[in-house]
PDB file of all heavy atoms in Angstrom:
ATOM      1  N   LEU A   1      19.242  21.018  21.806  1.00  0.00           N
ATOM      2  CA  LEU A   1      19.049  21.337  23.197  1.00  0.00           C
ATOM      3  C   LEU A   1      18.431  20.175  23.956  1.00  0.00           C
ATOM      4  O   LEU A   1      18.805  19.879  25.018  1.00  0.00           O
ATOM      5  CB  LEU A   1      18.130  22.570  23.350  1.00  0.00           C
ATOM      6  CG  LEU A   1      17.951  23.174  24.717  1.00  0.00           C
ATOM      7  CD1 LEU A   1      19.297  23.514  25.343  1.00  0.00           C
ATOM      8  CD2 LEU A   1      16.973  24.335  24.700  1.00  0.00           C
ATOM      9  N   ALA A   2      17.484  19.428  23.233  1.00  0.00           N
ATOM     10  CA  ALA A   2      16.884  18.303  23.914  1.00  0.00           C
ATOM     11  C   ALA A   2      17.852  17.206  24.086  1.00  0.00           C
ATOM     12  O   ALA A   2      17.876  16.399  24.965  1.00  0.00           O
ATOM     13  CB  ALA A   2      15.683  17.812  23.074  1.00  0.00           C
ATOM     14  N   ASP A   3      18.834  17.061  23.100  1.00  0.00           N
ATOM     15  CA  ASP A   3      19.777  16.018  23.190  1.00  0.00           C
ATOM     16  C   ASP A   3      20.732  16.095  24.419  1.00  0.00           C
ATOM     17  O   ASP A   3      21.359  15.099  24.923  1.00  0.00           O
ATOM     18  CB  ASP A   3      20.777  16.057  21.942  1.00  0.00           C
ATOM     19  CG  ASP A   3      20.039  15.623  20.638  1.00  0.00           C
ATOM     20  OD1 ASP A   3      18.903  15.052  20.838  1.00  0.00           O
ATOM     21  OD2 ASP A   3      20.527  15.795  19.607  1.00  0.00           O
ATOM     22  N   THR A   4      20.787  17.384  25.010  1.00  0.00           N
ATOM     23  CA  THR A   4      21.642  17.498  26.202  1.00  0.00           C
ATOM     24  C   THR A   4      21.135  16.749  27.341  1.00  0.00           C
ATOM     25  O   THR A   4      21.773  16.563  28.358  1.00  0.00           O
ATOM     26  CB  THR A   4      21.822  18.980  26.495  1.00  0.00           C
ATOM     27  OG1 THR A   4      20.552  19.533  26.762  1.00  0.00           O
ATOM     28  CG2 THR A   4      22.387  19.777  25.366  1.00  0.00           C
ATOM     29  N   PHE A   5      19.808  16.362  27.328  1.00  0.00           N
ATOM     30  CA  PHE A   5      19.154  15.641  28.425  1.00  0.00           C
ATOM     31  C   PHE A   5      19.246  14.236  28.256  1.00  0.00           C
ATOM     32  O   PHE A   5      18.574  13.453  28.982  1.00  0.00           O
ATOM     33  CB  PHE A   5      17.658  16.129  28.612  1.00  0.00           C
ATOM     34  CG  PHE A   5      17.514  17.487  29.176  1.00  0.00           C
ATOM     35  CD1 PHE A   5      17.504  18.578  28.246  1.00  0.00           C
ATOM     36  CD2 PHE A   5      17.480  17.742  30.531  1.00  0.00           C
ATOM     37  CE1 PHE A   5      17.353  19.881  28.752  1.00  0.00           C
ATOM     38  CE2 PHE A   5      17.295  19.033  31.010  1.00  0.00           C
ATOM     39  CZ  PHE A   5      17.189  20.142  30.166  1.00  0.00           C
ATOM     40  N   ARG A   6      20.001  13.740  27.269  1.00  0.00           N
ATOM     41  CA  ARG A   6      20.130  12.284  27.058  1.00  0.00           C
ATOM     42  C   ARG A   6      20.836  11.645  28.223  1.00  0.00           C
ATOM     43  O   ARG A   6      20.465  10.441  28.501  1.00  0.00           O
ATOM     44  CB  ARG A   6      20.936  12.047  25.697  1.00  0.00           C
ATOM     45  CG  ARG A   6      21.103  10.614  25.390  1.00  0.00           C
ATOM     46  CD  ARG A   6      21.856  10.327  24.113  1.00  0.00           C
ATOM     47  NE  ARG A   6      21.956   8.942  23.817  1.00  0.00           N
ATOM     48  CZ  ARG A   6      22.591   8.499  22.736  1.00  0.00           C
ATOM     49  NH1 ARG A   6      23.153   9.367  21.803  1.00  0.00           N
ATOM     50  NH2 ARG A   6      22.780   7.126  22.548  1.00  0.00           N
ATOM     51  N   SER A   7      21.783  12.300  28.753  1.00  0.00           N
ATOM     52  CA  SER A   7      22.560  11.552  29.788  1.00  0.00           C
ATOM     53  C   SER A   7      22.564  12.375  31.158  1.00  0.00           C
ATOM     54  O   SER A   7      23.443  12.124  32.005  1.00  0.00           O
ATOM     55  CB  SER A   7      24.022  11.388  29.258  1.00  0.00           C
ATOM     56  OG  SER A   7      24.531  12.665  28.963  1.00  0.00           O
ATOM     57  N   ARG A   8      21.689  13.349  31.327  1.00  0.00           N
ATOM     58  CA  ARG A   8      21.617  14.077  32.547  1.00  0.00           C
ATOM     59  C   ARG A   8      20.171  14.277  32.972  1.00  0.00           C
ATOM     60  O   ARG A   8      19.280  14.461  32.174  1.00  0.00           O
ATOM     61  CB  ARG A   8      22.335  15.443  32.456  1.00  0.00           C
ATOM     62  CG  ARG A   8      21.670  16.453  31.588  1.00  0.00           C
ATOM     63  CD  ARG A   8      22.613  17.682  31.476  1.00  0.00           C
ATOM     64  NE  ARG A   8      22.072  18.643  30.479  1.00  0.00           N
ATOM     65  CZ  ARG A   8      21.413  19.707  30.941  1.00  0.00           C
ATOM     66  NH1 ARG A   8      21.220  19.944  32.248  1.00  0.00           N
ATOM     67  NH2 ARG A   8      21.004  20.564  29.986  1.00  0.00           N
ATOM     68  N   GLU A   9      20.013  14.322  34.305  1.00  0.00           N
ATOM     69  CA  GLU A   9      18.647  14.521  34.807  1.00  0.00           C
ATOM     70  C   GLU A   9      18.349  16.007  34.894  1.00  0.00           C
ATOM     71  O   GLU A   9      19.149  16.853  34.624  1.00  0.00           O
ATOM     72  CB  GLU A   9      18.549  13.996  36.248  1.00  0.00           C
ATOM     73  CG  GLU A   9      18.560  12.448  36.320  1.00  0.00           C
ATOM     74  CD  GLU A   9      18.368  11.909  37.771  1.00  0.00           C
ATOM     75  OE1 GLU A   9      18.902  12.520  38.647  1.00  0.00           O
ATOM     76  OE2 GLU A   9      17.655  10.910  37.884  1.00  0.00           O
ATOM     77  N   LEU A  10      17.040  16.259  35.100  1.00  0.00           N
ATOM     78  CA  LEU A  10      16.632  17.607  35.292  1.00  0.00           C
ATOM     79  C   LEU A  10      17.310  18.321  36.361  1.00  0.00           C
ATOM     80  O   LEU A  10      17.193  17.856  37.566  1.00  0.00           O
ATOM     81  CB  LEU A  10      15.149  17.725  35.483  1.00  0.00           C
ATOM     82  CG  LEU A  10      14.502  19.030  35.704  1.00  0.00           C
ATOM     83  CD1 LEU A  10      14.703  19.985  34.409  1.00  0.00           C
ATOM     84  CD2 LEU A  10      12.919  18.989  35.970  1.00  0.00           C
ATOM     85  N   GLY A  11      18.032  19.400  36.118  1.00  0.00           N
ATOM     86  CA  GLY A  11      18.699  20.072  37.126  1.00  0.00           C
ATOM     87  C   GLY A  11      18.294  21.529  37.142  1.00  0.00           C
ATOM     88  O   GLY A  11      17.715  22.054  38.110  1.00  0.00           O
ATOM     89  N   ASP A  12      18.449  22.218  36.061  1.00  0.00           N
ATOM     90  CA  ASP A  12      18.144  23.625  35.933  1.00  0.00           C
ATOM     91  C   ASP A  12      16.790  23.722  35.292  1.00  0.00           C
ATOM     92  O   ASP A  12      16.615  23.378  34.070  1.00  0.00           O
ATOM     93  CB  ASP A  12      19.168  24.387  35.099  1.00  0.00           C
ATOM     94  CG  ASP A  12      18.840  25.798  34.947  1.00  0.00           C
ATOM     95  OD1 ASP A  12      17.913  26.265  35.690  1.00  0.00           O
ATOM     96  OD2 ASP A  12      19.423  26.518  34.092  1.00  0.00           O
ATOM     97  N   PRO A  13      15.728  24.061  35.937  1.00  0.00           N
ATOM     98  CA  PRO A  13      14.384  24.120  35.354  1.00  0.00           C
ATOM     99  C   PRO A  13      14.312  25.085  34.215  1.00  0.00           C
ATOM    100  O   PRO A  13      13.600  24.841  33.292  1.00  0.00           O
ATOM    101  CB  PRO A  13      13.457  24.647  36.541  1.00  0.00           C
ATOM    102  CG  PRO A  13      14.243  24.245  37.800  1.00  0.00           C
ATOM    103  CD  PRO A  13      15.671  24.359  37.457  1.00  0.00           C
ATOM    104  N   ALA A  14      15.150  26.142  34.282  1.00  0.00           N
ATOM    105  CA  ALA A  14      15.095  27.097  33.138  1.00  0.00           C
ATOM    106  C   ALA A  14      15.539  26.456  31.795  1.00  0.00           C
ATOM    107  O   ALA A  14      14.988  26.671  30.756  1.00  0.00           O
ATOM    108  CB  ALA A  14      15.979  28.257  33.542  1.00  0.00           C
ATOM    109  N   THR A  15      16.650  25.619  31.999  1.00  0.00           N
ATOM    110  CA  THR A  15      17.179  24.999  30.691  1.00  0.00           C
ATOM    111  C   THR A  15      16.079  23.885  30.210  1.00  0.00           C
ATOM    112  O   THR A  15      15.907  23.850  28.985  1.00  0.00           O
ATOM    113  CB  THR A  15      18.379  24.190  31.074  1.00  0.00           C
ATOM    114  OG1 THR A  15      19.359  25.123  31.645  1.00  0.00           O
ATOM    115  CG2 THR A  15      18.972  23.604  29.831  1.00  0.00           C
ATOM    116  N   ALA A  16      15.407  23.257  31.118  1.00  0.00           N
ATOM    117  CA  ALA A  16      14.400  22.270  30.733  1.00  0.00           C
ATOM    118  C   ALA A  16      13.237  23.030  30.052  1.00  0.00           C
ATOM    119  O   ALA A  16      12.708  22.600  29.018  1.00  0.00           O
ATOM    120  CB  ALA A  16      13.915  21.455  31.887  1.00  0.00           C
ATOM    121  N   GLU A  17      12.765  24.114  30.743  1.00  0.00           N
ATOM    122  CA  GLU A  17      11.703  24.914  30.086  1.00  0.00           C
ATOM    123  C   GLU A  17      12.049  25.467  28.698  1.00  0.00           C
ATOM    124  O   GLU A  17      11.247  25.494  27.853  1.00  0.00           O
ATOM    125  CB  GLU A  17      11.347  26.036  30.996  1.00  0.00           C
ATOM    126  CG  GLU A  17      10.086  26.824  30.542  1.00  0.00           C
ATOM    127  CD  GLU A  17       9.621  27.848  31.616  1.00  0.00           C
ATOM    128  OE1 GLU A  17      10.331  28.021  32.610  1.00  0.00           O
ATOM    129  OE2 GLU A  17       8.557  28.432  31.444  1.00  0.00           O
ATOM    130  N   HIS A  18      13.292  25.832  28.591  1.00  0.00           N
ATOM    131  CA  HIS A  18      13.852  26.297  27.354  1.00  0.00           C
ATOM    132  C   HIS A  18      13.769  25.228  26.241  1.00  0.00           C
ATOM    133  O   HIS A  18      13.370  25.498  25.124  1.00  0.00           O
ATOM    134  CB  HIS A  18      15.290  26.866  27.547  1.00  0.00           C
ATOM    135  CG  HIS A  18      15.772  27.578  26.224  1.00  0.00           C
ATOM    136  ND1 HIS A  18      15.072  28.510  25.601  1.00  0.00           N
ATOM    137  CD2 HIS A  18      16.974  27.464  25.627  1.00  0.00           C
ATOM    138  CE1 HIS A  18      15.721  28.958  24.599  1.00  0.00           C
ATOM    139  NE2 HIS A  18      16.888  28.326  24.513  1.00  0.00           N
ATOM    140  N   ALA A  19      14.113  24.036  26.628  1.00  0.00           N
ATOM    141  CA  ALA A  19      14.054  22.873  25.660  1.00  0.00           C
ATOM    142  C   ALA A  19      12.614  22.606  25.258  1.00  0.00           C
ATOM    143  O   ALA A  19      12.347  22.331  24.101  1.00  0.00           O
ATOM    144  CB  ALA A  19      14.760  21.662  26.272  1.00  0.00           C
ATOM    145  N   ILE A  20      11.705  22.668  26.182  1.00  0.00           N
ATOM    146  CA  ILE A  20      10.325  22.427  25.917  1.00  0.00           C
ATOM    147  C   ILE A  20       9.758  23.492  25.033  1.00  0.00           C
ATOM    148  O   ILE A  20       9.069  23.259  24.047  1.00  0.00           O
ATOM    149  CB  ILE A  20       9.523  22.219  27.140  1.00  0.00           C
ATOM    150  CG1 ILE A  20       9.993  20.955  27.904  1.00  0.00           C
ATOM    151  CG2 ILE A  20       8.037  22.130  26.862  1.00  0.00           C
ATOM    152  CD1 ILE A  20       9.387  20.871  29.350  1.00  0.00           C
ATOM    153  N   ARG A  21      10.086  24.728  25.355  1.00  0.00           N
ATOM    154  CA  ARG A  21       9.584  25.866  24.567  1.00  0.00           C
ATOM    155  C   ARG A  21      10.088  25.925  23.144  1.00  0.00           C
ATOM    156  O   ARG A  21       9.386  26.323  22.267  1.00  0.00           O
ATOM    157  CB  ARG A  21       9.865  27.150  25.325  1.00  0.00           C
ATOM    158  CG  ARG A  21       9.162  28.440  24.740  1.00  0.00           C
ATOM    159  CD  ARG A  21       9.431  29.691  25.523  1.00  0.00           C
ATOM    160  NE  ARG A  21      10.853  29.984  25.514  1.00  0.00           N
ATOM    161  CZ  ARG A  21      11.679  29.929  26.532  1.00  0.00           C
ATOM    162  NH1 ARG A  21      11.146  29.547  27.758  1.00  0.00           N
ATOM    163  NH2 ARG A  21      12.946  30.259  26.499  1.00  0.00           N
ATOM    164  N   ASP A  22      11.323  25.539  23.068  1.00  0.00           N
ATOM    165  CA  ASP A  22      11.932  25.609  21.646  1.00  0.00           C
ATOM    166  C   ASP A  22      11.235  24.637  20.685  1.00  0.00           C
ATOM    167  O   ASP A  22      11.041  24.939  19.522  1.00  0.00           O
ATOM    168  CB  ASP A  22      13.428  25.179  21.718  1.00  0.00           C
ATOM    169  CG  ASP A  22      14.337  26.483  22.053  1.00  0.00           C
ATOM    170  OD1 ASP A  22      13.682  27.522  22.375  1.00  0.00           O
ATOM    171  OD2 ASP A  22      15.540  26.444  21.910  1.00  0.00           O
ATOM    172  N   MET A  23      10.834  23.430  21.273  1.00  0.00           N
ATOM    173  CA  MET A  23      10.043  22.647  20.317  1.00  0.00           C
ATOM    174  C   MET A  23       8.676  23.204  19.993  1.00  0.00           C
ATOM    175  O   MET A  23       8.236  23.044  18.799  1.00  0.00           O
ATOM    176  CB  MET A  23       9.740  21.266  21.028  1.00  0.00           C
ATOM    177  CG  MET A  23      11.030  20.321  21.013  1.00  0.00           C
ATOM    178  SD  MET A  23      11.520  19.888  19.348  1.00  0.00           S
ATOM    179  CE  MET A  23      10.022  19.118  18.705  1.00  0.00           C
ATOM    180  N   VAL A  24       8.098  23.972  20.897  1.00  0.00           N
ATOM    181  CA  VAL A  24       6.802  24.617  20.529  1.00  0.00           C
ATOM    182  C   VAL A  24       7.098  25.736  19.433  1.00  0.00           C
ATOM    183  O   VAL A  24       6.289  25.912  18.567  1.00  0.00           O
ATOM    184  CB  VAL A  24       6.199  25.254  21.812  1.00  0.00           C
ATOM    185  CG1 VAL A  24       4.994  26.143  21.488  1.00  0.00           C
ATOM    186  CG2 VAL A  24       5.838  24.102  22.852  1.00  0.00           C
ATOM    187  N   VAL A  25       8.218  26.428  19.591  1.00  0.00           N
ATOM    188  CA  VAL A  25       8.533  27.520  18.627  1.00  0.00           C
ATOM    189  C   VAL A  25       8.796  26.892  17.270  1.00  0.00           C
ATOM    190  O   VAL A  25       8.285  27.383  16.198  1.00  0.00           O
ATOM    191  CB  VAL A  25       9.834  28.277  19.045  1.00  0.00           C
ATOM    192  CG1 VAL A  25      10.180  29.282  17.994  1.00  0.00           C
ATOM    193  CG2 VAL A  25       9.451  29.032  20.384  1.00  0.00           C
ATOM    194  N   ALA A  26       9.379  25.776  17.128  1.00  0.00           N
ATOM    195  CA  ALA A  26       9.547  25.090  15.934  1.00  0.00           C
ATOM    196  C   ALA A  26       8.227  24.702  15.305  1.00  0.00           C
ATOM    197  O   ALA A  26       8.035  24.876  14.093  1.00  0.00           O
ATOM    198  CB  ALA A  26      10.530  23.908  16.098  1.00  0.00           C
ATOM    199  N   THR A  27       7.376  24.225  16.085  1.00  0.00           N
ATOM    200  CA  THR A  27       6.103  23.867  15.589  1.00  0.00           C
ATOM    201  C   THR A  27       5.221  25.085  15.093  1.00  0.00           C
ATOM    202  O   THR A  27       4.594  25.023  14.085  1.00  0.00           O
ATOM    203  CB  THR A  27       5.184  23.141  16.613  1.00  0.00           C
ATOM    204  OG1 THR A  27       5.958  21.992  17.230  1.00  0.00           O
ATOM    205  CG2 THR A  27       3.901  22.664  16.133  1.00  0.00           C
ATOM    206  N   ASP A  28       5.436  26.200  15.845  1.00  0.00           N
ATOM    207  CA  ASP A  28       4.741  27.440  15.442  1.00  0.00           C
ATOM    208  C   ASP A  28       5.243  27.920  14.013  1.00  0.00           C
ATOM    209  O   ASP A  28       4.442  28.325  13.190  1.00  0.00           O
ATOM    210  CB  ASP A  28       4.962  28.597  16.450  1.00  0.00           C
ATOM    211  CG  ASP A  28       4.241  28.319  17.690  1.00  0.00           C
ATOM    212  OD1 ASP A  28       3.183  27.548  17.711  1.00  0.00           O
ATOM    213  OD2 ASP A  28       4.618  28.879  18.726  1.00  0.00           O
ATOM    214  N   PHE A  29       6.569  27.766  13.731  1.00  0.00           N
ATOM    215  CA  PHE A  29       7.028  28.153  12.454  1.00  0.00           C
ATOM    216  C   PHE A  29       6.339  27.249  11.385  1.00  0.00           C
ATOM    217  O   PHE A  29       6.050  27.718  10.306  1.00  0.00           O
ATOM    218  CB  PHE A  29       8.555  27.908  12.428  1.00  0.00           C
ATOM    219  CG  PHE A  29       9.345  29.210  12.836  1.00  0.00           C
ATOM    220  CD1 PHE A  29       9.954  29.312  14.105  1.00  0.00           C
ATOM    221  CD2 PHE A  29       9.531  30.213  11.990  1.00  0.00           C
ATOM    222  CE1 PHE A  29      10.610  30.371  14.503  1.00  0.00           C
ATOM    223  CE2 PHE A  29      10.220  31.341  12.367  1.00  0.00           C
ATOM    224  CZ  PHE A  29      10.769  31.442  13.618  1.00  0.00           C
ATOM    225  N   TYR A  30       6.284  26.026  11.704  1.00  0.00           N
ATOM    226  CA  TYR A  30       5.657  25.135  10.586  1.00  0.00           C
ATOM    227  C   TYR A  30       4.135  25.452  10.410  1.00  0.00           C
ATOM    228  O   TYR A  30       3.664  25.590   9.280  1.00  0.00           O
ATOM    229  CB  TYR A  30       5.740  23.642  11.085  1.00  0.00           C
ATOM    230  CG  TYR A  30       5.085  22.671  10.114  1.00  0.00           C
ATOM    231  CD1 TYR A  30       5.748  22.307   8.959  1.00  0.00           C
ATOM    232  CD2 TYR A  30       3.815  22.180  10.418  1.00  0.00           C
ATOM    233  CE1 TYR A  30       5.176  21.458   8.129  1.00  0.00           C
ATOM    234  CE2 TYR A  30       3.214  21.247   9.493  1.00  0.00           C
ATOM    235  CZ  TYR A  30       3.901  20.906   8.360  1.00  0.00           C
ATOM    236  OH  TYR A  30       3.317  20.044   7.457  1.00  0.00           O
ATOM    237  N   HIS A  31       3.481  25.823  11.490  1.00  0.00           N
ATOM    238  CA  HIS A  31       1.996  26.204  11.366  1.00  0.00           C
ATOM    239  C   HIS A  31       1.868  27.478  10.569  1.00  0.00           C
ATOM    240  O   HIS A  31       0.958  27.613   9.829  1.00  0.00           O
ATOM    241  CB  HIS A  31       1.385  26.223  12.671  1.00  0.00           C
ATOM    242  CG  HIS A  31       1.052  24.912  13.293  1.00  0.00           C
ATOM    243  ND1 HIS A  31       0.540  24.787  14.562  1.00  0.00           N
ATOM    244  CD2 HIS A  31       1.241  23.674  12.796  1.00  0.00           C
ATOM    245  CE1 HIS A  31       0.418  23.465  14.882  1.00  0.00           C
ATOM    246  NE2 HIS A  31       0.803  22.827  13.791  1.00  0.00           N
ATOM    247  N   GLN A  32       2.760  28.409  10.808  1.00  0.00           N
ATOM    248  CA  GLN A  32       2.757  29.623  10.100  1.00  0.00           C
ATOM    249  C   GLN A  32       2.945  29.394   8.558  1.00  0.00           C
ATOM    250  O   GLN A  32       2.234  29.957   7.725  1.00  0.00           O
ATOM    251  CB  GLN A  32       3.825  30.564  10.604  1.00  0.00           C
ATOM    252  CG  GLN A  32       3.856  32.001   9.925  1.00  0.00           C
ATOM    253  CD  GLN A  32       4.803  32.881  10.490  1.00  0.00           C
ATOM    254  OE1 GLN A  32       5.587  32.583  11.436  1.00  0.00           O
ATOM    255  NE2 GLN A  32       4.911  34.097   9.972  1.00  0.00           N
ATOM    256  N   ALA A  33       3.849  28.556   8.242  1.00  0.00           N
ATOM    257  CA  ALA A  33       4.069  28.172   6.823  1.00  0.00           C
ATOM    258  C   ALA A  33       2.906  27.382   6.206  1.00  0.00           C
ATOM    259  O   ALA A  33       2.484  27.729   5.108  1.00  0.00           O
ATOM    260  CB  ALA A  33       5.299  27.302   6.722  1.00  0.00           C
ATOM    261  N   LEU A  34       2.211  26.623   7.090  1.00  0.00           N
ATOM    262  CA  LEU A  34       1.082  25.945   6.634  1.00  0.00           C
ATOM    263  C   LEU A  34      -0.099  26.848   6.353  1.00  0.00           C
ATOM    264  O   LEU A  34      -0.728  26.783   5.328  1.00  0.00           O
ATOM    265  CB  LEU A  34       0.753  24.848   7.667  1.00  0.00           C
ATOM    266  CG  LEU A  34      -0.695  24.140   7.465  1.00  0.00           C
ATOM    267  CD1 LEU A  34      -0.705  23.382   6.089  1.00  0.00           C
ATOM    268  CD2 LEU A  34      -0.950  23.222   8.605  1.00  0.00           C
ATOM    269  N   PHE A  35      -0.392  27.712   7.306  1.00  0.00           N
ATOM    270  CA  PHE A  35      -1.576  28.581   7.223  1.00  0.00           C
ATOM    271  C   PHE A  35      -1.455  29.643   6.090  1.00  0.00           C
ATOM    272  O   PHE A  35      -2.390  30.101   5.498  1.00  0.00           O
ATOM    273  CB  PHE A  35      -1.844  29.241   8.543  1.00  0.00           C
ATOM    274  CG  PHE A  35      -2.195  28.376   9.675  1.00  0.00           C
ATOM    275  CD1 PHE A  35      -1.928  28.519  10.938  1.00  0.00           C
ATOM    276  CD2 PHE A  35      -2.913  27.074   9.360  1.00  0.00           C
ATOM    277  CE1 PHE A  35      -2.226  27.687  11.960  1.00  0.00           C
ATOM    278  CE2 PHE A  35      -3.209  26.187  10.303  1.00  0.00           C
ATOM    279  CZ  PHE A  35      -2.778  26.489  11.650  1.00  0.00           C
ATOM    280  N   GLU A  36      -0.218  29.972   5.770  1.00  0.00           N
ATOM    281  CA  GLU A  36      -0.005  30.931   4.705  1.00  0.00           C
ATOM    282  C   GLU A  36      -0.400  30.328   3.342  1.00  0.00           C
ATOM    283  O   GLU A  36      -0.775  31.059   2.385  1.00  0.00           O
ATOM    284  CB  GLU A  36       1.507  31.443   4.581  1.00  0.00           C
ATOM    285  CG  GLU A  36       1.805  32.460   5.632  1.00  0.00           C
ATOM    286  CD  GLU A  36       3.187  33.044   5.323  1.00  0.00           C
ATOM    287  OE1 GLU A  36       3.874  32.563   4.364  1.00  0.00           O
ATOM    288  OE2 GLU A  36       3.565  33.975   6.129  1.00  0.00           O
ATOM    289  N   ARG A  37      -0.334  29.017   3.262  1.00  0.00           N
ATOM    290  CA  ARG A  37      -0.653  28.373   2.021  1.00  0.00           C
ATOM    291  C   ARG A  37      -1.895  27.469   2.071  1.00  0.00           C
ATOM    292  O   ARG A  37      -2.164  26.639   1.242  1.00  0.00           O
ATOM    293  CB  ARG A  37       0.473  27.453   1.522  1.00  0.00           C
ATOM    294  CG  ARG A  37       1.803  28.209   1.254  1.00  0.00           C
ATOM    295  CD  ARG A  37       1.603  29.269   0.272  1.00  0.00           C
ATOM    296  NE  ARG A  37       1.226  28.703  -1.075  1.00  0.00           N
ATOM    297  CZ  ARG A  37       2.229  28.299  -1.937  1.00  0.00           C
ATOM    298  NH1 ARG A  37       3.445  28.318  -1.643  1.00  0.00           N
ATOM    299  NH2 ARG A  37       1.775  27.767  -3.083  1.00  0.00           N
ATOM    300  N   THR A  38      -2.768  27.804   3.115  1.00  0.00           N
ATOM    301  CA  THR A  38      -4.021  27.021   3.265  1.00  0.00           C
ATOM    302  C   THR A  38      -4.907  27.225   2.022  1.00  0.00           C
ATOM    303  O   THR A  38      -5.676  26.365   1.658  1.00  0.00           O
ATOM    304  CB  THR A  38      -4.784  27.491   4.506  1.00  0.00           C
ATOM    305  OG1 THR A  38      -3.906  27.276   5.643  1.00  0.00           O
ATOM    306  CG2 THR A  38      -6.069  26.690   4.676  1.00  0.00           C
ATOM    307  N   ALA A  39      -4.849  28.416   1.382  1.00  0.00           N
ATOM    308  CA  ALA A  39      -5.650  28.604   0.244  1.00  0.00           C
ATOM    309  C   ALA A  39      -5.361  27.656  -0.839  1.00  0.00           C
ATOM    310  O   ALA A  39      -6.245  27.488  -1.695  1.00  0.00           O
ATOM    311  CB  ALA A  39      -5.329  30.100  -0.328  1.00  0.00           C
ATOM    312  N   GLU A  40      -4.212  27.057  -0.875  1.00  0.00           N
ATOM    313  CA  GLU A  40      -3.870  26.087  -1.895  1.00  0.00           C
ATOM    314  C   GLU A  40      -4.870  24.858  -1.814  1.00  0.00           C
ATOM    315  O   GLU A  40      -5.251  24.317  -2.779  1.00  0.00           O
ATOM    316  CB  GLU A  40      -2.456  25.549  -1.705  1.00  0.00           C
ATOM    317  CG  GLU A  40      -1.435  26.559  -2.058  1.00  0.00           C
ATOM    318  CD  GLU A  40      -1.117  26.698  -3.532  1.00  0.00           C
ATOM    319  OE1 GLU A  40      -1.604  25.754  -4.262  1.00  0.00           O
ATOM    320  OE2 GLU A  40      -0.521  27.649  -3.909  1.00  0.00           O
ATOM    321  N   PHE A  41      -5.206  24.591  -0.636  1.00  0.00           N
ATOM    322  CA  PHE A  41      -6.163  23.454  -0.355  1.00  0.00           C
ATOM    323  C   PHE A  41      -7.621  23.859  -0.559  1.00  0.00           C
ATOM    324  O   PHE A  41      -8.458  22.991  -0.720  1.00  0.00           O
ATOM    325  CB  PHE A  41      -5.947  22.853   1.002  1.00  0.00           C
ATOM    326  CG  PHE A  41      -4.584  22.445   1.241  1.00  0.00           C
ATOM    327  CD1 PHE A  41      -3.740  23.153   2.183  1.00  0.00           C
ATOM    328  CD2 PHE A  41      -4.028  21.388   0.641  1.00  0.00           C
ATOM    329  CE1 PHE A  41      -2.478  22.785   2.483  1.00  0.00           C
ATOM    330  CE2 PHE A  41      -2.649  21.042   0.817  1.00  0.00           C
ATOM    331  CZ  PHE A  41      -1.891  21.715   1.842  1.00  0.00           C
ATOM    332  N   LEU A  42      -7.948  25.145  -0.529  1.00  0.00           N
ATOM    333  CA  LEU A  42      -9.345  25.557  -0.650  1.00  0.00           C
ATOM    334  C   LEU A  42      -9.728  25.828  -2.104  1.00  0.00           C
ATOM    335  O   LEU A  42     -10.743  26.324  -2.350  1.00  0.00           O
ATOM    336  CB  LEU A  42      -9.517  26.863   0.101  1.00  0.00           C
ATOM    337  CG  LEU A  42      -9.262  26.761   1.686  1.00  0.00           C
ATOM    338  CD1 LEU A  42      -9.476  28.019   2.299  1.00  0.00           C
ATOM    339  CD2 LEU A  42     -10.017  25.580   2.278  1.00  0.00           C
ATOM    340  N   LEU A  43      -8.737  25.456  -3.015  1.00  0.00           N
ATOM    341  CA  LEU A  43      -9.084  25.658  -4.454  1.00  0.00           C
ATOM    342  C   LEU A  43      -9.755  24.434  -4.972  1.00  0.00           C
ATOM    343  O   LEU A  43     -10.032  24.305  -6.171  1.00  0.00           O
ATOM    344  CB  LEU A  43      -7.812  25.768  -5.257  1.00  0.00           C
ATOM    345  CG  LEU A  43      -6.984  27.135  -4.976  1.00  0.00           C
ATOM    346  CD1 LEU A  43      -5.808  27.217  -5.841  1.00  0.00           C
ATOM    347  CD2 LEU A  43      -7.912  28.353  -5.309  1.00  0.00           C
ATOM    348  N   LEU A  44     -10.087  23.521  -4.102  1.00  0.00           N
ATOM    349  CA  LEU A  44     -10.881  22.332  -4.467  1.00  0.00           C
ATOM    350  C   LEU A  44     -12.339  22.679  -4.830  1.00  0.00           C
ATOM    351  O   LEU A  44     -12.759  23.880  -4.828  1.00  0.00           O
ATOM    352  CB  LEU A  44     -10.884  21.290  -3.420  1.00  0.00           C
ATOM    353  CG  LEU A  44      -9.458  20.872  -2.905  1.00  0.00           C
ATOM    354  CD1 LEU A  44      -9.599  19.924  -1.766  1.00  0.00           C
ATOM    355  CD2 LEU A  44      -8.632  20.217  -3.966  1.00  0.00           C
ATOM    356  N   GLU A  45     -13.145  21.638  -5.170  1.00  0.00           N
ATOM    357  CA  GLU A  45     -14.518  21.848  -5.338  1.00  0.00           C
ATOM    358  C   GLU A  45     -15.182  22.305  -4.117  1.00  0.00           C
ATOM    359  O   GLU A  45     -14.763  22.086  -3.017  1.00  0.00           O
ATOM    360  CB  GLU A  45     -15.193  20.508  -5.823  1.00  0.00           C
ATOM    361  CG  GLU A  45     -14.646  19.993  -7.158  1.00  0.00           C
ATOM    362  CD  GLU A  45     -15.050  20.917  -8.334  1.00  0.00           C
ATOM    363  OE1 GLU A  45     -16.095  21.528  -8.323  1.00  0.00           O
ATOM    364  OE2 GLU A  45     -14.146  21.036  -9.207  1.00  0.00           O
ATOM    365  N   PRO A  46     -16.234  23.236  -4.274  1.00  0.00           N
ATOM    366  CA  PRO A  46     -16.981  23.683  -3.103  1.00  0.00           C
ATOM    367  C   PRO A  46     -17.322  22.559  -2.170  1.00  0.00           C
ATOM    368  O   PRO A  46     -17.402  22.867  -0.869  1.00  0.00           O
ATOM    369  CB  PRO A  46     -18.186  24.417  -3.636  1.00  0.00           C
ATOM    370  CG  PRO A  46     -17.803  24.826  -4.984  1.00  0.00           C
ATOM    371  CD  PRO A  46     -16.892  23.803  -5.486  1.00  0.00           C
TER     372      PRO A  46
END
């Protein structure tokens, strides 16, 4: 979706907002996967 803005200017604000929001959603998926396994890192010494 972001690649579609390589050769065009901002026209439809909804499309631009959708491109920005999709990157946030992808980051949220990564953080969810990270926090589910945070316990792996807490197995270290106190």
